[in-house]
Amino acid sequence: MADDDGDANLRRLRDKYAGLSGGHVFDPHFKDIASKTISADGRRKLPYSDPATFLNAPYRQNAFGTLEGFADLDVALIGVPMDLGVTNRSGCRLGPRAVRAVERIGPYEHVLRVAPQAMLRVADVGDVPLRSRYSLESCHEDIETALRSVVQAGVIPLSVGGDHSMTQAILRAVGETRPVGLIHIDAHADTAGSYEGSRFHHGGPFRHAVLDGMVDPRRTLQIGIRGTAEYLYEFSTDSGMTVVHAEEVEEHGMRHYVEVARRLAGDGPVYVSFDIDSIDPGFAPGTGTPEVGGLMPREVLTLLRGLRGLDIIGGDVVEVAPQYDATSNTAQIAAQVLFEMLCLVAVRERPSIEHPSGSLQRRHVEDA
């Protein structure tokens, strides 16, 4: 009887699948995805061909400076090649190049069940034009100016750095009209004060974002925190931020903190900031300030996927320093996180940012 059942199943499979191309699928949801990523003759774009861009997105040259440069976009992928704010090992100015060089991320996200680039108009708009490679202060001015042009066009920015000080400038643009909530995934809370005459270093962007009225600390989660600099970050708890150490994630599980994140974020706009050093350096060694005992990549993906439906109005991936990344694993994780952020934009339920045309210009993908 068992052999008869096996023979019957083999005949069924041969009748259904023999001779079909790889792009011929039957599930309605998967069929819709395949129709947007595979040509009629079964060809797919080579992931290692053409100039490298973030997530293989189309390249938009000279977009900065005018609203027209972003007029038909929903999401701008932006490089910020600047690491003048680091306190330890330099090199994350090369992070955008390393993340662009990752060949194969997407097009489909199997947990969220979305193919974001089939739903959103997305482009890699290049790197923020920086006037000086020597002046941290002018770099921050340039980042803020560039990101403000993106936000004013009604486009959601997803940025790749570069050191974490850049987020201070970005938040001045995305939080200009109202304070935003913050999901901050990091080994360090980055709420220290000024050092050596500068408030722009990568250890303090979120203190200044709160004091400048760009971030609501009561709607802020900082998760993955650990290391030897805890004594520098009392501002986090004093301001009302929810701080979760890496060992607490192990104790309670990331799904518990997904609920914490969703409760804190509520229905308001939320910015997501991911520092690659949140990941244990055993998985992601390519960063300037590695801290042993960090999060696993799967835990970070669980948290991000758990934010589905929230009003994500921007995000960044920072501190990738490829010269310490012998296997390219660090850049691979960073690119995957960038892709997850793009997916979260695609599945927003009540967006507070709309394209000037009236709504996100989504191309429908049927969800089974």
Protein backbone atom coordinates (compact mmCIF):
# COMPACT_ATOMS: atom_id res chain seq x y z
CA MET A 1 0.00 0.00 0.00
CA ALA A 2 2.81 2.42 0.90
CA ASP A 3 4.55 1.83 -2.45
CA ASP A 4 1.27 2.37 -4.30
CA ASP A 5 0.78 5.70 -2.51
CA GLY A 6 4.34 6.71 -3.38
CA ASP A 7 3.87 5.81 -7.03
CA ALA A 8 0.63 7.75 -7.18
CA ASN A 9 2.25 10.81 -5.63
CA LEU A 10 5.15 10.61 -8.08
CA ARG A 11 2.72 10.46 -11.03
CA ARG A 12 0.85 13.46 -9.64
CA LEU A 13 4.06 15.46 -9.28
CA ARG A 14 5.23 14.53 -12.79
CA ASP A 15 1.88 15.48 -14.28
CA LYS A 16 1.94 18.83 -12.49
CA TYR A 17 5.59 19.90 -12.63
CA ALA A 18 7.47 18.04 -15.38
CA GLY A 19 8.65 20.43 -18.08
CA LEU A 20 7.72 23.63 -16.24
CA SER A 21 10.18 26.49 -15.84
CA GLY A 22 11.31 27.70 -12.44
CA GLY A 23 9.10 30.74 -12.80
CA HIS A 24 5.93 28.70 -13.12
CA VAL A 25 4.35 28.47 -9.65
CA PHE A 26 0.80 27.71 -8.59
CA ASP A 27 0.25 29.39 -5.21
CA PRO A 28 -1.49 32.73 -6.01
CA HIS A 29 0.72 34.76 -3.67
CA PHE A 30 3.98 33.25 -4.92
CA LYS A 31 2.76 33.45 -8.51
CA ASP A 32 2.28 37.19 -8.17
CA ILE A 33 5.79 37.60 -6.72
CA ALA A 34 7.34 35.45 -9.47
CA SER A 35 5.60 37.45 -12.18
CA LYS A 36 7.40 40.58 -10.97
CA THR A 37 10.87 39.04 -10.60
CA ILE A 38 11.15 36.40 -13.36
CA SER A 39 10.73 37.07 -17.06
CA ALA A 40 8.36 35.08 -19.24
CA ASP A 41 11.26 33.00 -20.56
CA GLY A 42 12.45 32.13 -17.05
CA ARG A 43 15.32 34.61 -16.75
CA ARG A 44 16.23 36.51 -13.59
CA LYS A 45 18.60 39.46 -13.20
CA LEU A 46 22.09 38.33 -12.27
CA PRO A 47 22.72 39.54 -8.70
CA TYR A 48 26.40 40.12 -9.48
CA SER A 49 25.93 42.14 -12.68
CA ASP A 50 25.84 45.91 -13.22
CA PRO A 51 27.18 48.56 -10.81
CA ALA A 52 26.47 47.73 -7.17
CA THR A 53 23.58 49.49 -5.45
CA PHE A 54 21.80 48.97 -2.14
CA LEU A 55 19.52 45.92 -2.49
CA ASN A 56 20.07 46.01 -6.28
CA ALA A 57 17.74 48.99 -6.45
CA PRO A 58 17.82 51.33 -9.46
CA TYR A 59 20.37 54.12 -9.14
CA ARG A 60 19.11 57.72 -9.07
CA GLN A 61 21.95 60.12 -9.81
CA ASN A 62 22.04 63.73 -8.59
CA ALA A 63 18.80 63.47 -6.64
CA PHE A 64 19.86 65.71 -3.77
CA GLY A 65 19.20 69.42 -3.86
CA THR A 66 15.72 69.53 -5.41
CA LEU A 67 12.36 68.06 -4.51
CA GLU A 68 12.04 66.93 -8.12
CA GLY A 69 14.91 64.51 -7.57
CA PHE A 70 12.65 62.40 -5.35
CA ALA A 71 9.30 63.22 -6.94
CA ASP A 72 8.31 59.70 -7.98
CA LEU A 73 9.89 57.76 -5.10
CA ASP A 74 8.44 56.23 -1.96
CA VAL A 75 11.78 55.24 -0.40
CA ALA A 76 15.29 56.62 -0.87
CA LEU A 77 18.27 54.40 0.00
CA ILE A 78 21.09 56.72 1.04
CA GLY A 79 24.79 56.26 1.76
CA VAL A 80 26.53 58.32 4.44
CA PRO A 81 30.29 57.62 4.09
CA MET A 82 31.47 59.52 7.18
CA ASP A 83 33.27 58.29 10.31
CA LEU A 84 34.72 61.43 11.84
CA GLY A 85 32.71 60.83 15.02
CA VAL A 86 34.19 57.48 16.08
CA THR A 87 35.90 57.00 19.43
CA ASN A 88 37.71 53.73 18.68
CA ARG A 89 38.61 52.06 15.36
CA SER A 90 37.83 54.09 12.26
CA GLY A 91 36.77 52.68 8.89
CA CYS A 92 32.96 52.72 8.79
CA ARG A 93 33.12 55.45 6.17
CA LEU A 94 33.49 52.46 3.84
CA GLY A 95 30.31 50.85 5.19
CA PRO A 96 28.03 52.00 2.34
CA ARG A 97 30.31 50.44 -0.26
CA ALA A 98 30.45 47.16 1.66
CA VAL A 99 26.66 46.96 2.00
CA ARG A 100 26.15 47.83 -1.66
CA ALA A 101 28.51 45.01 -2.58
CA VAL A 102 26.25 42.37 -0.97
CA GLU A 103 24.89 40.61 -4.02
CA ARG A 104 21.84 38.67 -2.96
CA ILE A 105 19.24 40.10 -0.58
CA GLY A 106 15.54 39.78 -1.41
CA PRO A 107 13.41 40.14 -3.40
CA TYR A 108 11.05 38.23 -1.07
CA GLU A 109 10.75 38.28 2.73
CA HIS A 110 9.25 34.96 3.79
CA VAL A 111 8.08 35.94 7.31
CA LEU A 112 6.41 39.23 6.40
CA ARG A 113 5.37 37.69 3.04
CA VAL A 114 6.24 40.75 1.00
CA ALA A 115 8.40 41.67 -1.96
CA PRO A 116 8.89 45.35 -1.11
CA GLN A 117 10.43 46.47 -4.38
CA ALA A 118 7.35 45.19 -6.19
CA MET A 119 5.19 47.33 -3.88
CA LEU A 120 7.19 50.55 -3.52
CA ARG A 121 9.10 52.89 -5.79
CA VAL A 122 12.63 52.56 -4.44
CA ALA A 123 15.97 53.94 -5.61
CA ASP A 124 19.53 54.14 -4.38
CA VAL A 125 20.08 57.90 -4.54
CA GLY A 126 23.81 57.68 -3.89
CA ASP A 127 25.75 59.21 -1.02
CA VAL A 128 25.09 62.40 0.87
CA PRO A 129 27.30 65.07 -0.77
CA LEU A 130 29.76 66.05 1.95
CA ARG A 131 31.72 69.32 1.61
CA SER A 132 34.63 68.24 3.78
CA ARG A 133 36.25 64.98 4.77
CA TYR A 134 37.83 66.78 7.75
CA SER A 135 35.02 68.72 9.48
CA LEU A 136 32.57 66.66 11.51
CA GLU A 137 30.36 69.68 12.12
CA SER A 138 30.00 70.49 8.41
CA CYS A 139 29.30 66.83 7.67
CA HIS A 140 26.38 66.96 10.10
CA GLU A 141 25.08 70.09 8.40
CA ASP A 142 25.31 68.38 5.02
CA ILE A 143 23.54 65.22 6.27
CA GLU A 144 20.72 67.25 7.79
CA THR A 145 20.30 69.32 4.62
CA ALA A 146 20.27 66.26 2.38
CA LEU A 147 17.83 64.32 4.56
CA ARG A 148 15.54 67.31 4.89
CA SER A 149 15.18 67.42 1.11
CA VAL A 150 14.14 63.75 1.18
CA VAL A 151 11.62 64.23 3.98
CA GLN A 152 10.13 67.37 2.46
CA ALA A 153 9.52 65.41 -0.75
CA GLY A 154 7.36 62.96 1.25
CA VAL A 155 9.92 60.18 0.76
CA ILE A 156 11.06 57.80 3.49
CA PRO A 157 14.84 57.72 4.01
CA LEU A 158 16.72 54.51 4.79
CA SER A 159 20.39 55.33 5.31
CA VAL A 160 23.60 53.32 5.58
CA GLY A 161 26.63 54.71 7.39
CA GLY A 162 29.01 55.71 8.47
CA ASP A 163 29.23 56.23 12.21
CA HIS A 164 26.27 56.59 14.55
CA SER A 165 26.74 60.32 15.05
CA MET A 166 25.02 60.74 11.68
CA THR A 167 21.69 59.73 13.21
CA GLN A 168 21.62 62.97 15.18
CA ALA A 169 21.55 64.94 11.92
CA ILE A 170 19.01 62.59 10.33
CA LEU A 171 16.65 62.90 13.28
CA ARG A 172 16.78 66.67 13.01
CA ALA A 173 15.22 66.20 9.57
CA VAL A 174 12.70 63.42 10.23
CA GLY A 175 11.70 64.81 13.65
CA GLU A 176 11.54 68.45 12.62
CA THR A 177 7.75 68.82 12.84
CA ARG A 178 7.10 66.50 15.83
CA PRO A 179 9.04 64.17 18.13
CA VAL A 180 9.23 60.61 16.86
CA GLY A 181 9.42 57.29 18.65
CA LEU A 182 12.65 55.35 18.42
CA ILE A 183 13.59 51.68 18.21
CA HIS A 184 17.34 51.69 18.82
CA ILE A 185 19.23 48.39 18.48
CA ASP A 186 22.79 48.77 19.74
CA ALA A 187 25.46 47.63 22.18
CA HIS A 188 25.70 51.22 23.47
CA ALA A 189 22.96 53.61 24.51
CA ASP A 190 24.70 56.56 22.83
CA THR A 191 23.28 59.16 25.21
CA ALA A 192 26.56 60.54 26.56
CA GLY A 193 27.38 64.24 26.72
CA SER A 194 29.93 66.30 24.84
CA TYR A 195 33.57 65.25 24.82
CA GLU A 196 36.72 67.18 23.93
CA GLY A 197 34.72 70.13 22.68
CA SER A 198 32.36 68.17 20.42
CA ARG A 199 28.73 67.18 20.82
CA PHE A 200 28.73 65.31 17.51
CA HIS A 201 30.56 62.08 18.40
CA HIS A 202 28.90 58.69 17.91
CA GLY A 203 28.39 58.14 21.64
CA GLY A 204 25.79 60.87 22.09
CA PRO A 205 23.33 61.32 19.19
CA PHE A 206 20.24 60.30 21.12
CA ARG A 207 20.80 62.62 24.07
CA HIS A 208 20.85 65.55 21.69
CA ALA A 209 17.91 64.22 19.68
CA VAL A 210 15.83 64.24 22.87
CA LEU A 211 17.08 67.63 24.09
CA ASP A 212 16.45 69.15 20.66
CA GLY A 213 12.86 67.85 20.71
CA MET A 214 13.25 65.38 17.85
CA VAL A 215 12.77 62.11 19.80
CA ASP A 216 10.19 61.27 22.48
CA PRO A 217 12.12 59.32 25.14
CA ARG A 218 8.90 57.82 26.51
CA ARG A 219 8.39 56.14 23.13
CA THR A 220 11.97 54.91 22.89
CA LEU A 221 13.34 51.37 23.23
CA GLN A 222 17.10 50.82 23.45
CA ILE A 223 17.89 47.11 23.21
CA GLY A 224 21.06 45.00 23.16
CA ILE A 225 22.89 47.36 25.53
CA ARG A 226 26.02 46.03 27.25
CA GLY A 227 29.72 46.68 27.72
CA THR A 228 31.92 48.87 29.87
CA ALA A 229 30.40 52.30 29.16
CA GLU A 230 27.15 51.87 31.11
CA TYR A 231 28.09 54.67 33.51
CA LEU A 232 27.98 57.19 30.64
CA TYR A 233 24.36 56.57 29.76
CA GLU A 234 22.29 57.61 32.78
CA PHE A 235 20.47 60.08 30.52
CA SER A 236 18.64 57.16 28.93
CA THR A 237 16.78 56.05 32.04
CA ASP A 238 16.50 59.57 33.49
CA SER A 239 14.75 60.79 30.34
CA GLY A 240 12.28 57.90 30.34
CA MET A 241 13.77 55.62 27.71
CA THR A 242 13.23 51.88 28.11
CA VAL A 243 16.67 50.26 28.22
CA VAL A 244 17.03 46.50 27.68
CA HIS A 245 20.40 44.84 28.18
CA ALA A 246 21.56 41.95 26.02
CA GLU A 247 21.36 39.48 28.90
CA GLU A 248 17.73 40.44 29.51
CA VAL A 249 16.91 39.35 25.96
CA GLU A 250 18.39 35.95 26.74
CA GLU A 251 16.37 35.75 29.96
CA HIS A 252 12.97 36.85 28.66
CA GLY A 253 13.18 36.15 24.94
CA MET A 254 12.95 38.58 22.03
CA ARG A 255 9.25 37.98 21.45
CA HIS A 256 8.58 39.53 24.86
CA TYR A 257 10.45 42.64 23.77
CA VAL A 258 8.56 42.76 20.49
CA GLU A 259 5.46 43.43 22.59
CA VAL A 260 7.38 46.03 24.61
CA ALA A 261 8.46 47.75 21.39
CA ARG A 262 4.95 47.78 19.97
CA ARG A 263 3.50 49.14 23.20
CA LEU A 264 6.05 51.95 23.34
CA ALA A 265 5.70 52.85 19.66
CA GLY A 266 1.91 52.96 19.69
CA ASP A 267 0.27 54.53 16.66
CA GLY A 268 2.77 57.37 16.23
CA PRO A 269 5.70 57.74 13.82
CA VAL A 270 8.74 55.60 14.63
CA TYR A 271 12.37 55.72 13.51
CA VAL A 272 14.52 52.56 13.59
CA SER A 273 18.27 52.83 14.18
CA PHE A 274 20.44 49.71 13.97
CA ASP A 275 24.10 49.66 14.99
CA ILE A 276 25.87 46.55 13.73
CA ASP A 277 27.73 46.26 17.05
CA SER A 278 24.44 45.21 18.63
CA ILE A 279 25.23 41.83 17.06
CA ASP A 280 27.75 39.66 18.88
CA PRO A 281 31.16 40.07 17.19
CA GLY A 282 31.28 36.31 16.68
CA PHE A 283 28.69 36.94 13.95
CA ALA A 284 29.63 40.52 12.97
CA PRO A 285 33.27 41.38 13.69
CA GLY A 286 33.43 44.21 11.17
CA THR A 287 32.83 47.20 13.42
CA GLY A 288 34.86 49.74 15.32
CA THR A 289 33.50 49.10 18.82
CA PRO A 290 32.82 45.36 19.19
CA GLU A 291 31.23 44.19 22.46
CA VAL A 292 31.25 40.50 23.34
CA GLY A 293 27.96 38.97 24.47
CA GLY A 294 25.65 40.55 21.95
CA LEU A 295 22.47 39.69 20.13
CA MET A 296 22.21 36.97 17.51
CA PRO A 297 21.17 37.97 13.98
CA ARG A 298 18.01 35.89 14.29
CA GLU A 299 16.99 37.83 17.43
CA VAL A 300 17.34 41.14 15.61
CA LEU A 301 15.30 39.85 12.68
CA THR A 302 12.61 38.66 15.11
CA LEU A 303 12.40 42.13 16.63
CA LEU A 304 12.25 43.91 13.30
CA ARG A 305 9.65 41.57 11.83
CA GLY A 306 7.59 42.06 14.98
CA LEU A 307 7.27 45.76 14.14
CA ARG A 308 4.97 44.96 11.21
CA GLY A 309 2.25 47.56 10.76
CA LEU A 310 3.94 50.32 12.77
CA ASP A 311 4.34 53.77 11.25
CA ILE A 312 8.00 53.48 10.26
CA ILE A 313 9.12 56.86 8.91
CA GLY A 314 12.83 56.16 8.44
CA GLY A 315 15.76 54.07 9.54
CA ASP A 316 19.49 53.60 9.41
CA VAL A 317 22.17 50.91 9.52
CA VAL A 318 25.49 52.14 10.91
CA GLU A 319 29.05 51.30 12.00
CA VAL A 320 29.92 48.65 9.39
CA ALA A 321 33.72 48.73 9.06
CA PRO A 322 34.58 46.25 6.29
CA GLN A 323 38.34 46.12 6.88
CA TYR A 324 37.64 44.08 10.05
CA ASP A 325 35.12 41.87 8.23
CA ALA A 326 37.20 39.06 6.74
CA THR A 327 34.22 36.90 5.74
CA SER A 328 31.82 39.74 4.70
CA ASN A 329 29.31 38.35 7.25
CA THR A 330 29.00 41.78 8.87
CA ALA A 331 27.99 43.45 5.62
CA GLN A 332 25.62 40.58 4.85
CA ILE A 333 23.80 41.08 8.16
CA ALA A 334 23.69 44.84 7.61
CA ALA A 335 22.18 44.41 4.15
CA GLN A 336 19.56 42.01 5.49
CA VAL A 337 18.58 44.50 8.19
CA LEU A 338 18.29 47.24 5.56
CA PHE A 339 16.01 44.94 3.57
CA GLU A 340 13.87 44.26 6.64
CA MET A 341 13.45 48.02 7.16
CA LEU A 342 12.32 48.37 3.56
CA CYS A 343 9.81 45.58 4.14
CA LEU A 344 8.47 47.37 7.21
CA VAL A 345 7.83 50.48 5.12
CA ALA A 346 5.92 48.33 2.63
CA VAL A 347 3.59 46.93 5.31
CA ARG A 348 2.81 50.14 7.22
CA GLU A 349 -0.87 50.24 8.10
CA ARG A 350 -1.55 53.86 9.08
CA PRO A 351 1.26 55.92 7.58
CA SER A 352 1.73 59.47 8.84
CA ILE A 353 3.94 60.29 5.85
CA GLU A 354 2.29 60.22 2.47
CA HIS A 355 3.70 60.89 -0.95
CA PRO A 356 2.62 64.31 -2.31
CA SER A 357 0.38 62.46 -4.77
CA GLY A 358 -1.76 61.44 -1.79
CA SER A 359 -0.55 57.97 -0.94
CA LEU A 360 2.40 55.66 -1.18
CA GLN A 361 2.67 54.61 -4.80
CA ARG A 362 2.38 50.91 -4.07
CA ARG A 363 2.05 48.30 -6.77
CA HIS A 364 -0.27 45.70 -5.32
CA VAL A 365 1.08 42.26 -4.48
CA GLU A 366 -1.63 39.75 -3.67
CA ASP A 367 -1.26 38.28 -0.16
CA ALA A 368 -2.46 34.70 0.07
